[in-house]
N, C-alpha and C. Protein backbone atom coordinates (compact mmCIF):
# COMPACT_ATOMS: atom_id res chain seq x y z
N MET A 1 -136.38 -151.17 111.38
CA MET A 1 -137.12 -149.96 111.64
C MET A 1 -137.95 -150.54 113.34
N LYS A 2 -138.33 -151.55 113.37
CA LYS A 2 -138.88 -152.20 114.64
C LYS A 2 -137.97 -152.04 115.80
N ARG A 3 -136.53 -152.42 115.58
CA ARG A 3 -135.61 -152.27 116.27
C ARG A 3 -135.37 -151.01 116.77
N VAL A 4 -135.35 -149.99 116.03
CA VAL A 4 -135.03 -148.59 116.39
C VAL A 4 -136.16 -148.06 117.16
N ALA A 5 -137.32 -148.44 116.82
CA ALA A 5 -138.53 -148.03 117.74
C ALA A 5 -138.59 -148.61 119.11
N SER A 6 -138.14 -149.90 119.12
CA SER A 6 -138.12 -150.46 120.34
C SER A 6 -136.99 -150.05 121.19
N LEU A 7 -135.75 -149.77 120.66
CA LEU A 7 -134.87 -149.00 121.26
C LEU A 7 -135.02 -147.57 121.84
N LEU A 8 -135.73 -146.85 121.05
CA LEU A 8 -136.24 -145.52 121.73
C LEU A 8 -137.25 -145.57 122.65
N CYS A 9 -138.26 -146.74 122.51
CA CYS A 9 -139.06 -146.67 123.72
C CYS A 9 -138.15 -147.10 124.92
N ALA A 10 -137.30 -147.95 124.93
CA ALA A 10 -136.64 -148.37 126.08
C ALA A 10 -135.82 -147.30 126.55
N VAL A 11 -135.10 -146.45 125.74
CA VAL A 11 -134.47 -145.17 126.29
C VAL A 11 -135.36 -144.28 126.97
N ALA A 12 -136.74 -144.09 126.35
CA ALA A 12 -137.56 -143.11 127.20
C ALA A 12 -138.11 -143.45 128.23
N ILE A 13 -138.34 -144.91 128.51
CA ILE A 13 -138.57 -145.27 129.66
C ILE A 13 -137.65 -145.49 130.76
N ALA A 14 -136.38 -145.74 130.40
CA ALA A 14 -135.22 -145.42 131.29
C ALA A 14 -135.08 -144.04 131.73
N ALA A 15 -135.35 -143.03 130.77
CA ALA A 15 -135.08 -141.88 131.23
C ALA A 15 -136.33 -141.24 132.06
N ARG A 16 -137.40 -141.86 131.90
CA ARG A 16 -138.43 -141.40 132.97
C ARG A 16 -138.04 -142.27 134.41
N VAL A 17 -137.68 -143.24 134.28
CA VAL A 17 -137.23 -143.83 135.63
C VAL A 17 -136.08 -143.04 136.37
N VAL A 18 -135.06 -142.72 135.49
CA VAL A 18 -134.29 -141.72 136.13
C VAL A 18 -134.76 -140.39 136.63
N ALA A 19 -135.51 -139.93 135.96
CA ALA A 19 -136.03 -138.64 136.29
C ALA A 19 -137.02 -138.54 137.61
N ALA A 20 -137.80 -139.67 137.59
CA ALA A 20 -138.58 -139.90 138.79
C ALA A 20 -137.59 -140.16 140.00
N ALA A 21 -136.63 -140.90 139.85
CA ALA A 21 -135.82 -141.13 141.10
C ALA A 21 -135.06 -139.84 141.45
N ALA A 22 -134.80 -139.08 140.53
CA ALA A 22 -134.14 -137.85 140.82
C ALA A 22 -134.92 -136.87 141.63
N GLN A 23 -136.24 -136.90 141.45
CA GLN A 23 -137.29 -136.05 142.18
C GLN A 23 -137.74 -136.20 143.38
N THR A 24 -137.30 -137.67 143.96
CA THR A 24 -137.65 -137.97 145.07
C THR A 24 -136.78 -137.41 146.36
N PRO A 25 -137.64 -136.64 147.23
CA PRO A 25 -136.69 -135.86 148.06
C PRO A 25 -136.13 -136.93 149.30
N THR A 26 -134.78 -136.50 149.74
CA THR A 26 -134.08 -137.11 150.61
C THR A 26 -133.79 -136.15 151.80
N ARG A 27 -133.66 -136.78 152.92
CA ARG A 27 -133.23 -136.03 154.25
C ARG A 27 -131.68 -135.71 154.07
N ALA A 28 -131.19 -135.18 154.97
CA ALA A 28 -129.72 -134.89 155.07
C ALA A 28 -129.06 -136.42 155.38
N ASP A 29 -129.85 -137.36 156.13
CA ASP A 29 -129.07 -138.55 156.59
C ASP A 29 -129.22 -139.55 155.46
N GLY A 30 -129.77 -139.20 154.23
CA GLY A 30 -129.99 -140.13 153.21
C GLY A 30 -131.26 -140.87 153.01
N LYS A 31 -131.98 -140.88 154.09
CA LYS A 31 -133.28 -141.47 154.08
C LYS A 31 -134.27 -140.63 153.57
N SER A 32 -135.38 -141.35 152.96
CA SER A 32 -136.46 -140.67 152.34
C SER A 32 -137.03 -139.82 153.31
N ALA A 33 -137.65 -138.66 152.36
CA ALA A 33 -138.18 -137.66 153.24
C ALA A 33 -139.75 -137.82 153.04
N SER A 34 -140.26 -139.20 152.82
CA SER A 34 -141.72 -139.46 152.68
C SER A 34 -142.25 -139.27 154.03
N GLN A 35 -143.49 -138.99 154.09
CA GLN A 35 -144.32 -138.84 155.34
C GLN A 35 -145.66 -139.78 155.37
N SER A 36 -146.07 -140.27 156.55
CA SER A 36 -146.95 -141.10 156.53
C SER A 36 -148.18 -140.36 156.51
N ALA A 37 -149.25 -140.94 156.43
CA ALA A 37 -150.77 -140.08 156.14
C ALA A 37 -150.97 -139.54 157.47
N LYS A 38 -150.73 -140.21 158.77
CA LYS A 38 -151.08 -139.57 160.17
C LYS A 38 -150.10 -138.28 160.16
N GLU A 39 -148.80 -138.28 159.62
CA GLU A 39 -148.14 -137.13 159.73
C GLU A 39 -148.72 -135.96 158.84
N ILE A 40 -149.26 -136.17 158.00
CA ILE A 40 -149.87 -135.22 156.78
C ILE A 40 -151.08 -134.96 157.33
N ARG A 41 -152.07 -135.81 157.56
CA ARG A 41 -153.34 -135.27 157.77
C ARG A 41 -153.90 -135.35 159.41
N GLY A 42 -152.91 -135.94 160.08
CA GLY A 42 -153.21 -135.86 161.67
C GLY A 42 -153.99 -137.10 162.16
N ALA A 43 -154.32 -137.24 163.19
CA ALA A 43 -155.03 -138.49 163.91
C ALA A 43 -156.38 -138.43 163.33
N THR A 44 -156.75 -139.81 163.18
CA THR A 44 -158.12 -140.19 162.56
C THR A 44 -159.14 -139.35 163.38
N PRO A 45 -160.26 -138.77 162.74
CA PRO A 45 -161.37 -138.30 163.49
C PRO A 45 -162.25 -139.50 164.03
N TYR A 46 -162.02 -140.80 163.71
CA TYR A 46 -162.81 -141.97 164.23
C TYR A 46 -162.30 -142.32 165.57
N LEU A 47 -163.23 -142.72 166.64
CA LEU A 47 -162.81 -143.27 167.75
C LEU A 47 -162.62 -144.85 167.59
N GLU A 48 -161.70 -145.35 168.40
CA GLU A 48 -161.57 -146.63 168.57
C GLU A 48 -162.40 -147.06 169.46
N ILE A 49 -163.28 -148.15 169.14
CA ILE A 49 -164.36 -148.86 170.00
C ILE A 49 -163.56 -149.91 170.66
N LYS A 50 -163.67 -149.83 171.97
CA LYS A 50 -163.00 -151.07 172.85
C LYS A 50 -163.74 -152.08 172.92
N ASN A 51 -163.22 -153.36 172.98
CA ASN A 51 -163.96 -154.49 173.13
C ASN A 51 -165.24 -154.75 171.99
N GLU A 52 -164.77 -154.47 170.78
CA GLU A 52 -165.85 -154.60 169.84
C GLU A 52 -165.56 -155.93 169.15
N PRO A 53 -166.45 -156.73 168.87
CA PRO A 53 -166.40 -157.91 168.24
C PRO A 53 -165.88 -157.89 166.94
N PRO A 54 -165.02 -158.81 166.40
CA PRO A 54 -164.66 -158.74 165.06
C PRO A 54 -165.84 -158.67 163.91
N ALA A 55 -165.46 -158.21 162.65
CA ALA A 55 -166.39 -158.11 161.92
C ALA A 55 -166.82 -159.51 161.24
N ARG A 56 -168.00 -159.51 160.84
CA ARG A 56 -168.47 -160.91 160.26
C ARG A 56 -168.80 -161.02 158.90
N LEU A 57 -168.57 -161.60 157.99
CA LEU A 57 -168.84 -161.81 156.62
C LEU A 57 -170.23 -162.48 156.40
N ILE A 58 -171.22 -161.99 156.05
CA ILE A 58 -172.44 -162.67 155.96
C ILE A 58 -172.74 -162.83 154.38
N GLU A 59 -173.04 -164.13 153.99
CA GLU A 59 -173.08 -164.64 152.70
C GLU A 59 -174.57 -164.43 152.37
N ALA A 60 -174.65 -163.77 151.25
CA ALA A 60 -176.12 -163.68 150.66
C ALA A 60 -176.68 -164.54 149.83
N VAL A 61 -177.97 -164.90 150.20
CA VAL A 61 -178.77 -166.26 149.33
C VAL A 61 -179.27 -165.61 148.42
N HIS A 62 -179.33 -165.92 147.11
CA HIS A 62 -179.96 -165.65 146.07
C HIS A 62 -180.90 -166.61 145.53
N SER A 63 -182.27 -166.21 145.32
CA SER A 63 -183.09 -167.30 144.85
C SER A 63 -183.63 -167.00 143.49
N HIS A 64 -183.36 -168.02 142.59
CA HIS A 64 -183.60 -167.90 141.11
C HIS A 64 -184.82 -168.49 140.65
């Protein structure tokens, strides 16, 4: 009985993988039709700050 249940689970997982792969859109040249976030949402609304120093990590000191 456990073997049958395991086999059914494996078949269900394989079917989901095949279904997900079939739903992935492709272009005529065979490449994936996925878009970048910039293509979907546009350019970032935040401006780049030129000559900004890199971020620093500050270690917090806890007193007990």
